[in-house]
């Protein structure tokens, strides 16, 4: 089974490190993993042109359709974002808007396992709101959303301002690892 990890950050930093740490746990459990940084992709805004109403396509010419095809092939998706004013990054929100072809053309993410990770500059700095936004996107695609296990949180939540801070946040990294374990558990039940 395959797990796709998405970093919704504009740069390569703490969000990337969290997503990769979650994928490492899943790889150790025997899952095939793939990492994608949205920072490396050309992602234009959705213009609500309607092209995806009749076919799995988009009028925008960028990297999104190729990523949507990869998402369609995954069994689980872990999405991570930095916290910007108690919300997901603009890059991740723009990408979420562009996933409409997956929904309109047969609910292609339906019943896939989904989990969320967030990092912010301070403890209780809006990360749970970011996780909630990611969960809402997943629920609209009829995904099966999981939080973490043992630590009773919504998903992986770390504190970090400078590069590497999230990895030093022992409490937060425990929630990241437990979220990955919950993804593995859910996939095991589906397998």
C-alpha atoms as a PDB file:
ATOM      1  CA  UNK A   1       0.000   0.000   0.000  1.00  0.00           C
ATOM      2  CA  UNK A   2       1.198   3.497  -0.822  1.00  0.00           C
ATOM      3  CA  UNK A   3       1.229   6.636   1.329  1.00  0.00           C
ATOM      4  CA  UNK A   4       1.710  10.048  -0.263  1.00  0.00           C
ATOM      5  CA  UNK A   5       3.093  12.808   1.950  1.00  0.00           C
ATOM      6  CA  UNK A   6       2.474  16.409   0.926  1.00  0.00           C
ATOM      7  CA  UNK A   7       4.258  19.432   2.357  1.00  0.00           C
ATOM      8  CA  UNK A   8       2.174  22.556   1.812  1.00  0.00           C
ATOM      9  CA  UNK A   9       4.963  24.924   2.772  1.00  0.00           C
ATOM     10  CA  UNK A  10       6.388  27.611   0.502  1.00  0.00           C
ATOM     11  CA  UNK A  11       9.881  26.458   1.451  1.00  0.00           C
ATOM     12  CA  UNK A  12      11.839  23.441   2.632  1.00  0.00           C
ATOM     13  CA  UNK A  13      11.675  23.619   6.409  1.00  0.00           C
ATOM     14  CA  UNK A  14       9.914  22.261   9.460  1.00  0.00           C
ATOM     15  CA  UNK A  15       6.785  21.112   7.621  1.00  0.00           C
ATOM     16  CA  UNK A  16       8.909  19.055   5.245  1.00  0.00           C
ATOM     17  CA  UNK A  17      10.802  17.517   8.160  1.00  0.00           C
ATOM     18  CA  UNK A  18       7.543  16.557   9.897  1.00  0.00           C
ATOM     19  CA  UNK A  19       6.034  14.976   6.782  1.00  0.00           C
ATOM     20  CA  UNK A  20       9.222  13.039   6.084  1.00  0.00           C
ATOM     21  CA  UNK A  21       9.362  11.843   9.715  1.00  0.00           C
ATOM     22  CA  UNK A  22       5.803  10.503   9.394  1.00  0.00           C
ATOM     23  CA  UNK A  23       6.700   8.787   6.111  1.00  0.00           C
ATOM     24  CA  UNK A  24       9.787   7.238   7.727  1.00  0.00           C
ATOM     25  CA  UNK A  25       7.559   5.580  10.341  1.00  0.00           C
ATOM     26  CA  UNK A  26       5.319   4.196   7.609  1.00  0.00           C
ATOM     27  CA  UNK A  27       8.279   3.006   5.527  1.00  0.00           C
ATOM     28  CA  UNK A  28       9.566   1.111   8.571  1.00  0.00           C
ATOM     29  CA  UNK A  29       6.136  -0.541   8.779  1.00  0.00           C
ATOM     30  CA  UNK A  30       6.526  -1.788   5.207  1.00  0.00           C
ATOM     31  CA  UNK A  31       4.479   0.771   3.301  1.00  0.00           C
ATOM     32  CA  UNK A  32       5.575   2.335   0.029  1.00  0.00           C
ATOM     33  CA  UNK A  33       5.972   6.066   0.577  1.00  0.00           C
ATOM     34  CA  UNK A  34       6.320   9.097  -1.662  1.00  0.00           C
ATOM     35  CA  UNK A  35       7.087  12.667  -0.654  1.00  0.00           C
ATOM     36  CA  UNK A  36       6.042  15.781  -2.573  1.00  0.00           C
ATOM     37  CA  UNK A  37       6.888  19.368  -1.691  1.00  0.00           C
ATOM     38  CA  UNK A  38       4.421  21.865  -3.117  1.00  0.00           C
ATOM     39  CA  UNK A  39       7.272  24.407  -2.957  1.00  0.00           C
ATOM     40  CA  UNK A  40       8.788  22.641  -5.960  1.00  0.00           C
ATOM     41  CA  UNK A  41       5.631  22.795  -8.075  1.00  0.00           C
ATOM     42  CA  UNK A  42       3.959  25.379 -10.266  1.00  0.00           C
ATOM     43  CA  UNK A  43       0.447  25.729  -8.816  1.00  0.00           C
ATOM     44  CA  UNK A  44      -1.895  28.278 -10.338  1.00  0.00           C
ATOM     45  CA  UNK A  45      -5.203  29.373  -8.814  1.00  0.00           C
ATOM     46  CA  UNK A  46      -8.499  27.675  -9.621  1.00  0.00           C
ATOM     47  CA  UNK A  47     -10.561  29.957 -11.855  1.00  0.00           C
ATOM     48  CA  UNK A  48     -13.766  27.891 -11.607  1.00  0.00           C
ATOM     49  CA  UNK A  49     -13.734  27.529 -15.393  1.00  0.00           C
ATOM     50  CA  UNK A  50     -15.753  24.302 -15.271  1.00  0.00           C
ATOM     51  CA  UNK A  51     -13.397  22.207 -17.426  1.00  0.00           C
ATOM     52  CA  UNK A  52     -13.310  19.466 -14.779  1.00  0.00           C
ATOM     53  CA  UNK A  53     -17.097  19.047 -14.768  1.00  0.00           C
ATOM     54  CA  UNK A  54     -16.998  16.701 -17.754  1.00  0.00           C
ATOM     55  CA  UNK A  55     -13.513  15.171 -17.662  1.00  0.00           C
ATOM     56  CA  UNK A  56     -10.503  14.594 -15.430  1.00  0.00           C
ATOM     57  CA  UNK A  57      -8.774  17.717 -16.671  1.00  0.00           C
ATOM     58  CA  UNK A  58      -8.054  21.357 -15.878  1.00  0.00           C
ATOM     59  CA  UNK A  59      -7.642  24.412 -18.064  1.00  0.00           C
ATOM     60  CA  UNK A  60      -4.613  25.552 -16.044  1.00  0.00           C
ATOM     61  CA  UNK A  61      -1.288  24.395 -17.455  1.00  0.00           C
ATOM     62  CA  UNK A  62       0.925  23.663 -14.473  1.00  0.00           C
ATOM     63  CA  UNK A  63       2.014  20.733 -12.274  1.00  0.00           C
ATOM     64  CA  UNK A  64      -1.312  20.039 -10.582  1.00  0.00           C
ATOM     65  CA  UNK A  65      -2.860  17.389 -12.844  1.00  0.00           C
ATOM     66  CA  UNK A  66       0.234  15.178 -12.562  1.00  0.00           C
ATOM     67  CA  UNK A  67       0.036  15.399  -8.763  1.00  0.00           C
ATOM     68  CA  UNK A  68      -3.686  14.638  -8.799  1.00  0.00           C
ATOM     69  CA  UNK A  69      -2.924  11.446 -10.726  1.00  0.00           C
ATOM     70  CA  UNK A  70      -0.413  10.454  -8.044  1.00  0.00           C
ATOM     71  CA  UNK A  71      -2.978  11.149  -5.323  1.00  0.00           C
ATOM     72  CA  UNK A  72      -5.476   8.957  -7.122  1.00  0.00           C
ATOM     73  CA  UNK A  73      -2.990   6.057  -6.921  1.00  0.00           C
ATOM     74  CA  UNK A  74      -2.218   6.488  -3.200  1.00  0.00           C
ATOM     75  CA  UNK A  75      -4.009   4.560  -0.460  1.00  0.00           C
ATOM     76  CA  UNK A  76      -3.367   7.270   2.129  1.00  0.00           C
ATOM     77  CA  UNK A  77      -2.431  10.938   2.097  1.00  0.00           C
ATOM     78  CA  UNK A  78      -0.658  12.859   4.830  1.00  0.00           C
ATOM     79  CA  UNK A  79      -0.856  16.617   4.315  1.00  0.00           C
ATOM     80  CA  UNK A  80       1.245  19.054   6.304  1.00  0.00           C
ATOM     81  CA  UNK A  81       1.223  22.835   6.516  1.00  0.00           C
ATOM     82  CA  UNK A  82       2.879  25.649   8.384  1.00  0.00           C
ATOM     83  CA  UNK A  83       0.497  27.827  10.376  1.00  0.00           C
ATOM     84  CA  UNK A  84      -0.134  31.228   8.764  1.00  0.00           C
ATOM     85  CA  UNK A  85      -2.520  33.406  10.761  1.00  0.00           C
ATOM     86  CA  UNK A  86      -4.195  30.281  12.215  1.00  0.00           C
ATOM     87  CA  UNK A  87      -4.722  28.785   8.751  1.00  0.00           C
ATOM     88  CA  UNK A  88      -3.051  26.646   6.110  1.00  0.00           C
ATOM     89  CA  UNK A  89      -0.493  28.194   3.811  1.00  0.00           C
ATOM     90  CA  UNK A  90      -1.790  29.956   0.702  1.00  0.00           C
ATOM     91  CA  UNK A  91       0.083  27.411  -1.412  1.00  0.00           C
ATOM     92  CA  UNK A  92      -1.726  24.494   0.211  1.00  0.00           C
ATOM     93  CA  UNK A  93      -5.103  26.241  -0.014  1.00  0.00           C
ATOM     94  CA  UNK A  94      -4.549  26.945  -3.712  1.00  0.00           C
ATOM     95  CA  UNK A  95      -3.689  23.300  -4.239  1.00  0.00           C
ATOM     96  CA  UNK A  96      -6.753  22.125  -2.288  1.00  0.00           C
ATOM     97  CA  UNK A  97      -8.940  24.278  -4.559  1.00  0.00           C
ATOM     98  CA  UNK A  98      -7.388  22.587  -7.573  1.00  0.00           C
ATOM     99  CA  UNK A  99      -8.327  19.074  -6.391  1.00  0.00           C
ATOM    100  CA  UNK A 100     -11.860  19.593  -7.682  1.00  0.00           C
ATOM    101  CA  UNK A 101     -11.340  17.215 -10.660  1.00  0.00           C
ATOM    102  CA  UNK A 102     -10.787  14.373  -8.163  1.00  0.00           C
ATOM    103  CA  UNK A 103     -14.156  15.106  -6.580  1.00  0.00           C
ATOM    104  CA  UNK A 104     -16.132  15.834  -9.728  1.00  0.00           C
ATOM    105  CA  UNK A 105     -14.921  12.779 -11.611  1.00  0.00           C
ATOM    106  CA  UNK A 106     -16.103  10.070  -9.253  1.00  0.00           C
ATOM    107  CA  UNK A 107     -14.886  11.011  -5.767  1.00  0.00           C
ATOM    108  CA  UNK A 108     -11.446   9.582  -6.508  1.00  0.00           C
ATOM    109  CA  UNK A 109     -10.158  10.120  -2.950  1.00  0.00           C
ATOM    110  CA  UNK A 110     -13.178   8.455  -1.334  1.00  0.00           C
ATOM    111  CA  UNK A 111     -12.250   5.959   1.391  1.00  0.00           C
ATOM    112  CA  UNK A 112      -8.536   6.773   1.266  1.00  0.00           C
ATOM    113  CA  UNK A 113      -6.972   7.338   4.675  1.00  0.00           C
ATOM    114  CA  UNK A 114      -6.100  10.962   5.437  1.00  0.00           C
ATOM    115  CA  UNK A 115      -4.065  12.589   8.190  1.00  0.00           C
ATOM    116  CA  UNK A 116      -2.884  16.115   8.927  1.00  0.00           C
ATOM    117  CA  UNK A 117       0.271  17.702  10.333  1.00  0.00           C
ATOM    118  CA  UNK A 118       0.862  21.320  11.316  1.00  0.00           C
ATOM    119  CA  UNK A 119       3.708  23.402  12.660  1.00  0.00           C
ATOM    120  CA  UNK A 120       3.533  26.870  14.179  1.00  0.00           C
ATOM    121  CA  UNK A 121       5.764  29.356  15.927  1.00  0.00           C
ATOM    122  CA  UNK A 122       4.405  28.717  19.417  1.00  0.00           C
ATOM    123  CA  UNK A 123       2.548  26.058  21.349  1.00  0.00           C
ATOM    124  CA  UNK A 124      -1.193  26.556  20.797  1.00  0.00           C
ATOM    125  CA  UNK A 125      -0.355  28.939  17.962  1.00  0.00           C
ATOM    126  CA  UNK A 126      -3.201  27.909  15.662  1.00  0.00           C
ATOM    127  CA  UNK A 127      -1.923  24.477  14.618  1.00  0.00           C
ATOM    128  CA  UNK A 128      -5.178  22.735  15.596  1.00  0.00           C
ATOM    129  CA  UNK A 129      -7.058  25.125  13.311  1.00  0.00           C
ATOM    130  CA  UNK A 130      -4.701  24.205  10.462  1.00  0.00           C
ATOM    131  CA  UNK A 131      -5.272  20.508  11.122  1.00  0.00           C
ATOM    132  CA  UNK A 132      -9.021  21.176  11.141  1.00  0.00           C
ATOM    133  CA  UNK A 133      -8.813  22.897   7.738  1.00  0.00           C
ATOM    134  CA  UNK A 134      -6.910  19.946   6.295  1.00  0.00           C
ATOM    135  CA  UNK A 135      -9.437  17.538   7.815  1.00  0.00           C
ATOM    136  CA  UNK A 136     -12.306  19.553   6.305  1.00  0.00           C
ATOM    137  CA  UNK A 137     -10.733  19.242   2.849  1.00  0.00           C
ATOM    138  CA  UNK A 138     -10.330  15.494   3.374  1.00  0.00           C
ATOM    139  CA  UNK A 139     -13.914  15.094   4.571  1.00  0.00           C
ATOM    140  CA  UNK A 140     -15.210  16.909   1.477  1.00  0.00           C
ATOM    141  CA  UNK A 141     -13.406  14.268  -0.570  1.00  0.00           C
ATOM    142  CA  UNK A 142     -15.036  11.570   1.628  1.00  0.00           C
ATOM    143  CA  UNK A 143     -11.696  10.376   2.918  1.00  0.00           C
ATOM    144  CA  UNK A 144     -11.374   8.468   6.197  1.00  0.00           C
ATOM    145  CA  UNK A 145      -9.693  10.967   8.508  1.00  0.00           C
ATOM    146  CA  UNK A 146      -7.505   9.803  11.372  1.00  0.00           C
ATOM    147  CA  UNK A 147      -5.800  11.724  14.168  1.00  0.00           C
ATOM    148  CA  UNK A 148      -2.978  10.381  16.229  1.00  0.00           C
ATOM    149  CA  UNK A 149      -3.170   7.580  18.736  1.00  0.00           C
ATOM    150  CA  UNK A 150      -2.176   7.524  22.395  1.00  0.00           C
ATOM    151  CA  UNK A 151      -1.656  11.265  22.710  1.00  0.00           C
ATOM    152  CA  UNK A 152      -5.323  12.163  22.027  1.00  0.00           C
ATOM    153  CA  UNK A 153      -4.727  14.903  19.479  1.00  0.00           C
ATOM    154  CA  UNK A 154      -6.130  15.677  16.060  1.00  0.00           C
ATOM    155  CA  UNK A 155      -2.901  14.922  14.240  1.00  0.00           C
ATOM    156  CA  UNK A 156       0.775  15.780  14.329  1.00  0.00           C
ATOM    157  CA  UNK A 157       1.367  19.222  15.817  1.00  0.00           C
ATOM    158  CA  UNK A 158       4.817  20.753  16.376  1.00  0.00           C
ATOM    159  CA  UNK A 159       6.334  24.054  17.399  1.00  0.00           C
ATOM    160  CA  UNK A 160       9.044  25.549  15.232  1.00  0.00           C
ATOM    161  CA  UNK A 161      10.291  28.922  14.078  1.00  0.00           C
ATOM    162  CA  UNK A 162      13.778  28.112  12.782  1.00  0.00           C
ATOM    163  CA  UNK A 163      14.759  25.203  10.553  1.00  0.00           C
ATOM    164  CA  UNK A 164      15.015  22.039  12.627  1.00  0.00           C
ATOM    165  CA  UNK A 165      12.941  23.287  15.571  1.00  0.00           C
ATOM    166  CA  UNK A 166      10.086  20.858  14.862  1.00  0.00           C
ATOM    167  CA  UNK A 167      12.444  17.884  15.089  1.00  0.00           C
ATOM    168  CA  UNK A 168      13.608  19.148  18.510  1.00  0.00           C
ATOM    169  CA  UNK A 169      10.002  19.372  19.776  1.00  0.00           C
ATOM    170  CA  UNK A 170       9.803  15.979  21.506  1.00  0.00           C
ATOM    171  CA  UNK A 171       6.134  16.323  22.466  1.00  0.00           C
ATOM    172  CA  UNK A 172       5.174  17.417  18.966  1.00  0.00           C
ATOM    173  CA  UNK A 173       7.218  14.745  17.202  1.00  0.00           C
ATOM    174  CA  UNK A 174       5.512  12.118  19.340  1.00  0.00           C
ATOM    175  CA  UNK A 175       2.180  13.282  17.883  1.00  0.00           C
ATOM    176  CA  UNK A 176       3.641  13.127  14.362  1.00  0.00           C
ATOM    177  CA  UNK A 177       4.851   9.556  14.881  1.00  0.00           C
ATOM    178  CA  UNK A 178       1.587   8.532  16.530  1.00  0.00           C
ATOM    179  CA  UNK A 179      -0.343   9.992  13.602  1.00  0.00           C
ATOM    180  CA  UNK A 180       1.745   7.888  11.223  1.00  0.00           C
ATOM    181  CA  UNK A 181       1.060   4.811  13.365  1.00  0.00           C
ATOM    182  CA  UNK A 182      -2.666   5.554  13.198  1.00  0.00           C
ATOM    183  CA  UNK A 183      -2.437   5.760   9.382  1.00  0.00           C
ATOM    184  CA  UNK A 184      -0.673   2.383   9.388  1.00  0.00           C
ATOM    185  CA  UNK A 185      -3.345   0.927  11.674  1.00  0.00           C
ATOM    186  CA  UNK A 186      -6.164   2.193   9.444  1.00  0.00           C
ATOM    187  CA  UNK A 187      -4.483   0.882   6.289  1.00  0.00           C
ATOM    188  CA  UNK A 188      -3.972  -2.465   7.995  1.00  0.00           C
ATOM    189  CA  UNK A 189      -7.706  -2.722   8.610  1.00  0.00           C
ATOM    190  CA  UNK A 190      -8.424  -1.892   4.974  1.00  0.00           C
ATOM    191  CA  UNK A 191      -5.716  -4.158   3.544  1.00  0.00           C
END
